[in-house]
N, C-alpha and C. Protein backbone atom coordinates (compact mmCIF):
# COMPACT_ATOMS: atom_id res chain seq x y z
N MET A 1 97.89 110.88 98.68
CA MET A 1 97.26 111.51 99.70
C MET A 1 96.90 110.47 100.86
N LYS A 2 97.00 110.86 102.04
CA LYS A 2 96.98 109.83 103.28
C LYS A 2 95.47 109.78 103.81
N LYS A 3 95.08 108.92 104.19
CA LYS A 3 93.75 108.81 104.81
C LYS A 3 93.88 109.04 106.36
N GLN A 4 92.88 109.59 106.93
CA GLN A 4 92.69 109.80 108.27
C GLN A 4 91.54 109.08 108.74
N ARG A 5 91.65 108.58 110.04
CA ARG A 5 90.67 107.91 110.73
C ARG A 5 90.25 108.55 112.28
N CYS A 6 88.86 108.69 112.27
CA CYS A 6 88.36 109.24 113.32
C CYS A 6 88.42 108.36 114.74
N LEU A 7 89.23 108.88 115.73
CA LEU A 7 89.57 108.28 116.92
C LEU A 7 88.18 108.06 117.70
N VAL A 8 87.04 108.71 117.41
CA VAL A 8 85.81 108.40 118.20
C VAL A 8 85.04 107.37 117.65
N CYS A 9 84.92 107.10 116.32
CA CYS A 9 84.19 106.24 115.79
C CYS A 9 84.62 105.36 114.65
N GLY A 10 85.84 105.71 114.35
CA GLY A 10 86.48 104.79 113.23
C GLY A 10 86.39 105.29 111.85
N TYR A 11 85.51 106.17 111.48
CA TYR A 11 85.28 106.62 110.08
C TYR A 11 86.71 106.93 109.48
N VAL A 12 86.77 106.59 108.17
CA VAL A 12 88.03 106.85 107.50
C VAL A 12 87.79 107.75 106.30
N TYR A 13 88.49 109.07 106.55
CA TYR A 13 88.48 109.87 105.56
C TYR A 13 89.24 109.64 104.42
N GLU A 14 88.98 109.37 103.23
CA GLU A 14 89.59 108.98 102.11
C GLU A 14 89.64 110.30 101.19
N PRO A 15 90.93 111.02 100.76
CA PRO A 15 90.77 112.02 100.03
C PRO A 15 90.34 111.80 98.68
N GLU A 16 90.57 110.69 98.16
CA GLU A 16 89.95 110.36 96.79
C GLU A 16 88.54 110.52 96.66
N ALA A 17 87.84 110.21 97.77
CA ALA A 17 86.43 110.15 97.85
C ALA A 17 85.91 111.70 98.29
N GLY A 18 86.68 112.26 99.14
CA GLY A 18 86.23 113.50 99.86
C GLY A 18 84.98 113.18 100.85
N ASP A 19 84.09 114.37 100.81
CA ASP A 19 82.84 114.15 101.55
C ASP A 19 81.91 115.24 101.11
N PRO A 20 81.62 114.97 99.88
CA PRO A 20 80.85 115.89 99.14
C PRO A 20 79.42 116.23 99.76
N ALA A 21 78.85 115.21 100.46
CA ALA A 21 77.64 115.77 101.19
C ALA A 21 77.71 116.71 102.21
N ASN A 22 79.19 117.10 102.56
CA ASN A 22 79.50 118.06 103.50
C ASN A 22 80.41 118.97 103.00
N GLY A 23 80.36 119.26 101.80
CA GLY A 23 81.14 120.27 101.07
C GLY A 23 82.50 119.98 100.80
N VAL A 24 83.02 118.92 100.96
CA VAL A 24 84.44 118.62 100.85
C VAL A 24 84.48 117.69 99.52
N THR A 25 85.04 118.29 98.43
CA THR A 25 84.94 117.50 96.97
C THR A 25 86.10 116.43 96.97
N PRO A 26 85.76 115.43 96.12
CA PRO A 26 86.90 114.39 95.95
C PRO A 26 88.20 115.11 95.47
N GLU A 27 89.30 114.46 95.80
CA GLU A 27 90.57 114.79 95.64
C GLU A 27 91.10 115.94 96.66
N THR A 28 90.35 116.25 97.88
CA THR A 28 90.83 117.08 98.84
C THR A 28 91.71 116.45 99.71
N ALA A 29 92.95 117.01 99.85
CA ALA A 29 93.92 116.61 100.70
C ALA A 29 93.35 116.90 102.11
N TRP A 30 93.75 116.15 103.12
CA TRP A 30 93.32 116.22 104.57
C TRP A 30 93.65 117.71 105.06
N GLU A 31 94.78 118.40 104.64
CA GLU A 31 95.30 119.80 105.21
C GLU A 31 94.49 120.80 104.58
N ASN A 32 93.65 120.39 103.47
CA ASN A 32 92.83 121.28 102.67
C ASN A 32 91.31 121.22 103.05
N VAL A 33 91.13 120.16 104.03
CA VAL A 33 89.85 120.08 104.59
C VAL A 33 89.30 121.28 105.48
N PRO A 34 88.23 121.98 105.44
CA PRO A 34 88.09 123.19 106.30
C PRO A 34 88.14 122.56 107.75
N GLU A 35 88.73 123.67 108.48
CA GLU A 35 88.88 123.20 110.06
C GLU A 35 87.58 123.05 110.82
N ASP A 36 86.63 123.57 110.33
CA ASP A 36 85.20 123.61 110.92
C ASP A 36 84.43 122.33 110.31
N TRP A 37 85.09 121.56 109.53
CA TRP A 37 84.55 120.28 109.08
C TRP A 37 84.48 119.27 110.25
N THR A 38 83.37 118.38 110.26
CA THR A 38 83.35 117.43 111.28
C THR A 38 82.95 116.01 110.82
N CYS A 39 83.26 114.90 111.63
CA CYS A 39 83.05 113.61 111.09
C CYS A 39 81.60 113.42 110.67
N PRO A 40 81.48 113.02 109.57
CA PRO A 40 80.01 112.88 108.97
C PRO A 40 79.16 111.80 109.85
N VAL A 41 80.00 110.80 110.56
CA VAL A 41 79.42 109.83 111.19
C VAL A 41 78.94 110.25 112.77
N CYS A 42 79.89 110.69 113.24
CA CYS A 42 79.72 110.94 114.84
C CYS A 42 79.83 112.58 115.28
N GLY A 43 80.40 113.46 114.23
CA GLY A 43 80.27 114.76 114.56
C GLY A 43 81.77 115.07 115.32
N ALA A 44 82.75 114.35 115.30
CA ALA A 44 83.73 114.62 116.01
C ALA A 44 84.63 115.80 115.14
N ASP A 45 85.34 116.53 116.00
CA ASP A 45 85.99 117.61 115.31
C ASP A 45 87.35 117.03 114.57
N LYS A 46 87.85 117.81 113.64
CA LYS A 46 88.82 117.34 112.73
C LYS A 46 90.18 117.02 113.59
N GLU A 47 90.35 117.60 114.64
CA GLU A 47 91.48 117.24 115.52
C GLU A 47 91.40 115.72 116.24
N GLU A 48 90.24 115.11 116.17
CA GLU A 48 90.16 113.93 116.50
C GLU A 48 90.38 112.86 115.65
N PHE A 49 91.13 113.09 114.48
CA PHE A 49 91.53 112.15 113.54
C PHE A 49 93.03 111.97 113.53
N GLU A 50 93.54 110.62 113.08
CA GLU A 50 94.74 110.43 112.92
C GLU A 50 95.04 109.78 111.59
N GLU A 51 96.52 109.86 111.29
CA GLU A 51 96.80 109.43 109.85
C GLU A 51 96.68 107.92 110.09
N VAL A 52 96.41 107.31 108.97
CA VAL A 52 96.46 105.95 108.87
C VAL A 52 97.14 105.59 107.53
């Protein structure tokens, strides 16, 4: 599973870790992260991320 980086603040979404504090369980691939999820650091929308 590939990581995604926020273009606004640089936060890296790691599928292995997920984002449990915001409802995304570990091992959740990027394509399965809900469309309304936002960056936990800056609040950017999912479309503001790029694959790294």
